[in-house]
């Protein structure tokens, strides 16, 4: 009967450590790697039997639309 008390306490403590969800202000305007552009370049390289080495990824600005 008393086994559930530590389990409940542990679950409550772990839930308190969960990160807050991102907001529009957190993500809007953030600079990220442009995965679509990288994928296109890598597919073209495979077609031409060449290699691609990324030193810096192509950049894109993330815009959040709500």
N, C-alpha and C. Protein backbone atom coordinates (compact mmCIF):
# COMPACT_ATOMS: atom_id res chain seq x y z
N UNK A 1 0.82 -1.19 0.00
CA UNK A 1 0.00 0.00 0.00
C UNK A 1 0.86 1.26 0.00
N UNK A 2 2.00 1.18 0.65
CA UNK A 2 2.83 2.37 0.77
C UNK A 2 3.88 2.46 -0.33
N UNK A 3 3.85 1.53 -1.27
CA UNK A 3 4.83 1.58 -2.37
C UNK A 3 4.53 2.70 -3.36
N UNK A 4 3.28 3.10 -3.46
CA UNK A 4 2.92 4.11 -4.44
C UNK A 4 3.34 5.51 -4.02
N UNK A 5 3.59 5.73 -2.75
CA UNK A 5 3.97 7.07 -2.27
C UNK A 5 5.31 7.52 -2.87
N UNK A 6 6.39 6.69 -2.80
CA UNK A 6 7.64 7.14 -3.44
C UNK A 6 7.52 7.27 -4.95
N UNK A 7 6.73 6.39 -5.56
CA UNK A 7 6.55 6.48 -7.01
C UNK A 7 5.82 7.77 -7.38
N UNK A 8 4.82 8.12 -6.65
CA UNK A 8 4.08 9.36 -6.91
C UNK A 8 4.96 10.58 -6.68
N UNK A 9 5.75 10.54 -5.63
CA UNK A 9 6.66 11.64 -5.33
C UNK A 9 7.71 11.80 -6.44
N UNK A 10 8.25 10.69 -6.91
CA UNK A 10 9.24 10.74 -8.00
C UNK A 10 8.62 11.27 -9.28
N UNK A 11 7.39 10.87 -9.58
CA UNK A 11 6.72 11.36 -10.78
C UNK A 11 6.47 12.86 -10.69
N UNK A 12 6.10 13.34 -9.54
CA UNK A 12 5.87 14.78 -9.36
C UNK A 12 7.17 15.57 -9.51
N UNK A 13 8.24 15.05 -8.97
CA UNK A 13 9.53 15.74 -9.10
C UNK A 13 10.01 15.76 -10.54
N UNK A 14 9.84 14.66 -11.27
CA UNK A 14 10.26 14.62 -12.67
C UNK A 14 9.40 15.52 -13.53
N UNK A 15 8.13 15.63 -13.24
CA UNK A 15 7.25 16.51 -14.01
C UNK A 15 7.64 17.97 -13.81
N UNK A 16 8.15 18.32 -12.64
CA UNK A 16 8.56 19.69 -12.37
C UNK A 16 9.81 20.06 -13.16
N UNK A 17 10.59 19.08 -13.61
CA UNK A 17 11.82 19.34 -14.35
C UNK A 17 11.60 19.45 -15.85
N UNK A 18 10.39 19.24 -16.32
CA UNK A 18 10.11 19.31 -17.76
C UNK A 18 10.33 20.74 -18.25
N UNK A 19 10.96 20.88 -19.43
CA UNK A 19 11.19 22.24 -19.95
C UNK A 19 9.87 22.88 -20.38
N UNK A 20 9.84 24.18 -20.34
CA UNK A 20 8.66 24.91 -20.78
C UNK A 20 8.55 24.80 -22.30
N UNK A 21 7.35 24.72 -22.85
CA UNK A 21 7.19 24.65 -24.31
C UNK A 21 7.67 25.94 -24.96
N UNK A 22 8.16 25.82 -26.19
CA UNK A 22 8.62 27.00 -26.92
C UNK A 22 7.44 27.90 -27.27
N UNK A 23 7.70 29.18 -27.29
CA UNK A 23 6.69 30.14 -27.72
C UNK A 23 7.09 30.68 -29.08
N UNK A 24 6.20 31.44 -29.70
CA UNK A 24 6.49 32.03 -31.01
C UNK A 24 7.71 32.94 -30.92
N UNK A 25 7.81 33.69 -29.83
CA UNK A 25 8.94 34.61 -29.66
C UNK A 25 10.27 33.86 -29.54
N UNK A 26 10.24 32.65 -28.99
CA UNK A 26 11.46 31.87 -28.85
C UNK A 26 12.00 31.40 -30.20
N UNK A 27 11.10 31.09 -31.13
CA UNK A 27 11.52 30.46 -32.38
C UNK A 27 11.56 31.41 -33.57
N UNK A 28 10.78 32.46 -33.58
CA UNK A 28 10.70 33.34 -34.73
C UNK A 28 12.02 34.08 -34.94
N UNK A 29 12.54 34.00 -36.15
CA UNK A 29 13.78 34.68 -36.49
C UNK A 29 15.03 33.89 -36.16
N UNK A 30 14.89 32.70 -35.66
CA UNK A 30 16.03 31.87 -35.32
C UNK A 30 16.72 31.37 -36.60
N UNK A 31 18.03 31.40 -36.63
CA UNK A 31 18.80 30.95 -37.79
C UNK A 31 19.10 29.47 -37.63
N UNK A 32 18.70 28.69 -38.62
CA UNK A 32 18.88 27.24 -38.59
C UNK A 32 19.51 26.78 -39.89
N UNK A 33 19.99 25.54 -39.91
CA UNK A 33 20.49 24.95 -41.15
C UNK A 33 19.33 24.67 -42.09
N UNK A 34 19.50 24.99 -43.35
CA UNK A 34 18.46 24.77 -44.35
C UNK A 34 18.55 23.33 -44.84
N UNK A 35 17.76 22.44 -44.26
CA UNK A 35 17.82 21.01 -44.56
C UNK A 35 17.40 20.73 -46.00
N UNK A 36 16.45 21.48 -46.54
CA UNK A 36 16.00 21.25 -47.92
C UNK A 36 17.12 21.53 -48.91
N UNK A 37 17.83 22.62 -48.72
CA UNK A 37 18.93 22.96 -49.61
C UNK A 37 20.06 21.93 -49.50
N UNK A 38 20.35 21.50 -48.30
CA UNK A 38 21.41 20.50 -48.10
C UNK A 38 21.03 19.18 -48.78
N UNK A 39 19.75 18.80 -48.69
CA UNK A 39 19.28 17.57 -49.30
C UNK A 39 19.39 17.64 -50.81
N UNK A 40 19.05 18.77 -51.40
CA UNK A 40 19.14 18.93 -52.85
C UNK A 40 20.59 18.82 -53.32
N UNK A 41 21.50 19.44 -52.61
CA UNK A 41 22.92 19.39 -52.99
C UNK A 41 23.45 17.96 -52.87
N UNK A 42 23.06 17.27 -51.80
CA UNK A 42 23.55 15.90 -51.60
C UNK A 42 22.96 14.94 -52.64
N UNK A 43 21.70 15.13 -53.03
CA UNK A 43 21.12 14.29 -54.09
C UNK A 43 21.81 14.53 -55.43
N UNK A 44 22.10 15.79 -55.73
CA UNK A 44 22.82 16.12 -56.97
C UNK A 44 24.21 15.49 -56.95
N UNK A 45 24.87 15.50 -55.81
CA UNK A 45 26.21 14.91 -55.71
C UNK A 45 26.14 13.40 -55.92
N UNK A 46 25.11 12.75 -55.40
CA UNK A 46 24.97 11.30 -55.61
C UNK A 46 24.74 10.98 -57.08
N UNK A 47 23.95 11.83 -57.75
CA UNK A 47 23.71 11.62 -59.19
C UNK A 47 25.00 11.76 -60.00
N UNK A 48 25.87 12.66 -59.55
CA UNK A 48 27.13 12.90 -60.27
C UNK A 48 28.29 12.08 -59.72
N UNK A 49 28.02 11.20 -58.77
CA UNK A 49 29.03 10.35 -58.15
C UNK A 49 30.18 11.18 -57.57
N UNK A 50 29.82 12.24 -56.85
CA UNK A 50 30.81 13.08 -56.18
C UNK A 50 30.51 13.11 -54.69
N UNK A 51 31.41 13.69 -53.93
CA UNK A 51 31.26 13.78 -52.48
C UNK A 51 31.01 15.22 -52.06
N UNK A 52 30.28 15.38 -51.00
CA UNK A 52 30.01 16.71 -50.43
C UNK A 52 30.51 16.71 -49.00
N UNK A 53 31.32 17.70 -48.65
CA UNK A 53 31.79 17.88 -47.28
C UNK A 53 31.29 19.22 -46.80
N UNK A 54 30.47 19.21 -45.74
CA UNK A 54 29.88 20.44 -45.23
C UNK A 54 30.78 21.03 -44.15
N UNK A 55 31.28 22.25 -44.39
CA UNK A 55 32.01 22.99 -43.37
C UNK A 55 31.05 23.92 -42.65
N UNK A 56 30.19 24.56 -43.39
CA UNK A 56 29.12 25.41 -42.85
C UNK A 56 27.86 25.08 -43.63
N UNK A 57 26.78 24.88 -42.93
CA UNK A 57 25.54 24.54 -43.62
C UNK A 57 24.89 25.80 -44.19
N UNK A 58 24.12 25.65 -45.27
CA UNK A 58 23.36 26.81 -45.77
C UNK A 58 22.35 27.25 -44.70
N UNK A 59 22.21 28.53 -44.53
CA UNK A 59 21.37 29.06 -43.44
C UNK A 59 19.98 29.44 -43.92
N UNK A 60 19.03 29.32 -43.03
CA UNK A 60 17.67 29.76 -43.27
C UNK A 60 17.15 30.40 -41.98
N UNK A 61 16.28 31.36 -42.13
CA UNK A 61 15.67 32.01 -40.97
C UNK A 61 14.31 31.39 -40.75
N UNK A 62 14.10 30.89 -39.55
CA UNK A 62 12.83 30.24 -39.21
C UNK A 62 11.79 31.30 -38.90
N UNK A 63 10.68 31.23 -39.60
CA UNK A 63 9.56 32.15 -39.37
C UNK A 63 8.36 31.34 -38.90
N UNK A 64 7.81 31.76 -37.78
CA UNK A 64 6.66 31.06 -37.19
C UNK A 64 5.40 31.77 -37.64
N UNK A 65 4.50 31.01 -38.24
CA UNK A 65 3.22 31.57 -38.69
C UNK A 65 2.13 30.97 -37.81
N UNK A 66 1.35 31.82 -37.21
CA UNK A 66 0.29 31.29 -36.33
C UNK A 66 -1.08 31.64 -36.86
